[in-house]
Amino acid sequence: MRVHITNTHHMIGVARLAQNMVTDIATKELGFREIGVFQYNDKNESKSSLIARFDGMLAGVELGM
């Protein structure tokens, strides 16, 4: 079974450092797989664009793996 961890990119300061440290430990030492999440602030983005973005983030996640 694969275990995934999210890593929010484009954060700033200590929050970014902590997130990256936890993700590094989880992926390198525990075998987790990273799901990269990028922050966007576009209130006018269409629903189909949002769905495509989520599909891209979850493309590496497989059922039953």
N, C-alpha and C. Protein backbone atom coordinates (compact mmCIF):
# COMPACT_ATOMS: atom_id res chain seq x y z
N MET A 1 0.85 -1.18 0.00
CA MET A 1 0.00 0.00 0.00
C MET A 1 0.89 1.24 0.00
N ARG A 2 0.56 2.20 -0.84
CA ARG A 2 1.28 3.47 -0.88
C ARG A 2 0.66 4.45 0.10
N VAL A 3 1.51 5.22 0.72
CA VAL A 3 1.06 6.28 1.62
C VAL A 3 1.50 7.60 1.02
N HIS A 4 0.59 8.55 0.97
CA HIS A 4 0.88 9.85 0.36
C HIS A 4 0.88 10.95 1.40
N ILE A 5 1.64 12.01 1.11
CA ILE A 5 1.67 13.19 1.96
C ILE A 5 1.58 14.41 1.04
N THR A 6 0.82 15.40 1.46
CA THR A 6 0.72 16.61 0.66
C THR A 6 1.83 17.57 1.05
N ASN A 7 2.29 18.33 0.07
CA ASN A 7 3.30 19.37 0.29
C ASN A 7 2.80 20.62 -0.42
N THR A 8 2.45 21.63 0.36
CA THR A 8 1.92 22.86 -0.20
C THR A 8 3.08 23.74 -0.63
N HIS A 9 3.18 24.01 -1.92
CA HIS A 9 4.25 24.83 -2.46
C HIS A 9 3.84 26.30 -2.45
N HIS A 10 4.79 27.17 -2.52
CA HIS A 10 4.62 28.62 -2.53
C HIS A 10 4.22 29.18 -1.17
N MET A 11 4.50 28.44 -0.12
CA MET A 11 4.33 29.00 1.22
C MET A 11 5.58 29.83 1.52
N ILE A 12 5.52 30.66 2.54
CA ILE A 12 6.68 31.47 2.89
C ILE A 12 7.05 31.26 4.35
N GLY A 13 8.28 31.59 4.68
CA GLY A 13 8.74 31.61 6.06
C GLY A 13 8.89 30.23 6.69
N VAL A 14 8.69 30.23 8.00
CA VAL A 14 8.89 29.03 8.80
C VAL A 14 7.92 27.92 8.41
N ALA A 15 6.71 28.29 8.01
CA ALA A 15 5.72 27.28 7.61
C ALA A 15 6.25 26.46 6.43
N ARG A 16 6.87 27.12 5.47
CA ARG A 16 7.43 26.42 4.30
C ARG A 16 8.56 25.49 4.73
N LEU A 17 9.45 25.98 5.58
CA LEU A 17 10.56 25.15 6.05
C LEU A 17 10.07 23.91 6.77
N ALA A 18 9.09 24.08 7.66
CA ALA A 18 8.55 22.95 8.40
C ALA A 18 7.87 21.95 7.48
N GLN A 19 7.08 22.44 6.54
CA GLN A 19 6.38 21.56 5.59
C GLN A 19 7.40 20.77 4.77
N ASN A 20 8.43 21.45 4.27
CA ASN A 20 9.43 20.76 3.47
C ASN A 20 10.23 19.74 4.28
N MET A 21 10.53 20.05 5.53
CA MET A 21 11.26 19.11 6.39
C MET A 21 10.44 17.85 6.62
N VAL A 22 9.18 18.02 6.96
CA VAL A 22 8.31 16.87 7.20
C VAL A 22 8.17 16.03 5.94
N THR A 23 7.97 16.69 4.79
CA THR A 23 7.83 15.97 3.53
C THR A 23 9.10 15.23 3.17
N ASP A 24 10.27 15.86 3.37
CA ASP A 24 11.54 15.20 3.10
C ASP A 24 11.72 13.94 3.94
N ILE A 25 11.42 14.04 5.22
CA ILE A 25 11.55 12.87 6.10
C ILE A 25 10.58 11.77 5.68
N ALA A 26 9.34 12.16 5.42
CA ALA A 26 8.32 11.17 5.05
C ALA A 26 8.66 10.47 3.74
N THR A 27 9.16 11.21 2.76
CA THR A 27 9.43 10.60 1.45
C THR A 27 10.74 9.82 1.44
N LYS A 28 11.78 10.36 2.05
CA LYS A 28 13.10 9.73 1.99
C LYS A 28 13.29 8.61 3.00
N GLU A 29 12.73 8.77 4.18
CA GLU A 29 12.96 7.79 5.24
C GLU A 29 11.80 6.81 5.45
N LEU A 30 10.59 7.23 5.12
CA LEU A 30 9.43 6.39 5.37
C LEU A 30 8.77 5.86 4.10
N GLY A 31 9.25 6.32 2.94
CA GLY A 31 8.73 5.81 1.68
C GLY A 31 7.40 6.39 1.23
N PHE A 32 7.00 7.52 1.80
CA PHE A 32 5.76 8.16 1.38
C PHE A 32 5.92 8.71 -0.03
N ARG A 33 4.82 8.96 -0.69
CA ARG A 33 4.81 9.62 -2.00
C ARG A 33 4.23 11.02 -1.81
N GLU A 34 4.84 11.99 -2.45
CA GLU A 34 4.40 13.38 -2.30
C GLU A 34 3.31 13.73 -3.31
N ILE A 35 2.32 14.44 -2.81
CA ILE A 35 1.32 15.08 -3.67
C ILE A 35 1.56 16.58 -3.53
N GLY A 36 2.07 17.18 -4.59
CA GLY A 36 2.35 18.61 -4.56
C GLY A 36 1.08 19.42 -4.75
N VAL A 37 0.86 20.37 -3.88
CA VAL A 37 -0.31 21.24 -3.96
C VAL A 37 0.20 22.66 -4.12
N PHE A 38 -0.19 23.30 -5.20
CA PHE A 38 0.24 24.66 -5.48
C PHE A 38 -0.88 25.62 -5.14
N GLN A 39 -0.53 26.72 -4.50
CA GLN A 39 -1.52 27.71 -4.08
C GLN A 39 -1.81 28.68 -5.21
N TYR A 40 -3.07 28.87 -5.48
CA TYR A 40 -3.52 29.85 -6.46
C TYR A 40 -4.63 30.66 -5.82
N ASN A 41 -4.70 31.91 -6.17
CA ASN A 41 -5.77 32.75 -5.67
C ASN A 41 -6.45 33.41 -6.87
N ASP A 42 -7.29 32.65 -7.53
CA ASP A 42 -7.98 33.17 -8.70
C ASP A 42 -9.47 32.89 -8.53
N LYS A 43 -10.17 33.88 -8.03
CA LYS A 43 -11.59 33.72 -7.76
C LYS A 43 -12.41 33.51 -9.03
N ASN A 44 -11.85 33.88 -10.17
CA ASN A 44 -12.57 33.78 -11.44
C ASN A 44 -12.24 32.51 -12.21
N GLU A 45 -11.46 31.62 -11.62
CA GLU A 45 -11.10 30.39 -12.32
C GLU A 45 -12.34 29.51 -12.50
N SER A 46 -12.47 28.94 -13.68
CA SER A 46 -13.65 28.13 -13.98
C SER A 46 -13.62 26.81 -13.23
N LYS A 47 -14.80 26.23 -13.08
CA LYS A 47 -14.92 24.94 -12.40
C LYS A 47 -14.14 23.87 -13.15
N SER A 48 -14.18 23.89 -14.48
CA SER A 48 -13.46 22.88 -15.25
C SER A 48 -11.95 23.01 -15.07
N SER A 49 -11.45 24.23 -14.91
CA SER A 49 -10.02 24.43 -14.64
C SER A 49 -9.64 23.89 -13.27
N LEU A 50 -10.49 24.11 -12.28
CA LEU A 50 -10.23 23.57 -10.94
C LEU A 50 -10.21 22.05 -10.95
N ILE A 51 -11.16 21.45 -11.66
CA ILE A 51 -11.21 19.99 -11.75
C ILE A 51 -9.96 19.46 -12.42
N ALA A 52 -9.51 20.13 -13.49
CA ALA A 52 -8.28 19.71 -14.17
C ALA A 52 -7.07 19.82 -13.25
N ARG A 53 -7.03 20.86 -12.43
CA ARG A 53 -5.93 21.04 -11.48
C ARG A 53 -5.90 19.90 -10.46
N PHE A 54 -7.06 19.54 -9.91
CA PHE A 54 -7.14 18.43 -8.95
C PHE A 54 -6.78 17.11 -9.62
N ASP A 55 -7.23 16.91 -10.83
CA ASP A 55 -6.86 15.69 -11.56
C ASP A 55 -5.35 15.57 -11.69
N GLY A 56 -4.70 16.69 -11.98
CA GLY A 56 -3.24 16.68 -12.10
C GLY A 56 -2.55 16.36 -10.80
N MET A 57 -3.06 16.91 -9.70
CA MET A 57 -2.46 16.65 -8.39
C MET A 57 -2.61 15.18 -7.99
N LEU A 58 -3.73 14.59 -8.36
CA LEU A 58 -4.03 13.22 -7.92
C LEU A 58 -3.67 12.16 -8.95
N ALA A 59 -3.03 12.55 -10.04
CA ALA A 59 -2.71 11.61 -11.11
C ALA A 59 -1.86 10.43 -10.64
N GLY A 60 -0.99 10.66 -9.67
CA GLY A 60 -0.11 9.59 -9.20
C GLY A 60 -0.73 8.68 -8.15
N VAL A 61 -1.93 8.98 -7.71
CA VAL A 61 -2.60 8.16 -6.69
C VAL A 61 -3.38 7.06 -7.40
N GLU A 62 -3.11 5.81 -7.02
CA GLU A 62 -3.78 4.68 -7.66
C GLU A 62 -4.64 3.93 -6.65
N LEU A 63 -5.77 3.48 -7.10
CA LEU A 63 -6.68 2.72 -6.26
C LEU A 63 -6.04 1.40 -5.86
N GLY A 64 -6.07 1.10 -4.57
CA GLY A 64 -5.59 -0.18 -4.07
C GLY A 64 -4.10 -0.34 -4.01
N MET A 65 -3.36 0.71 -4.23
CA MET A 65 -1.90 0.60 -4.22
C MET A 65 -1.36 1.19 -2.94
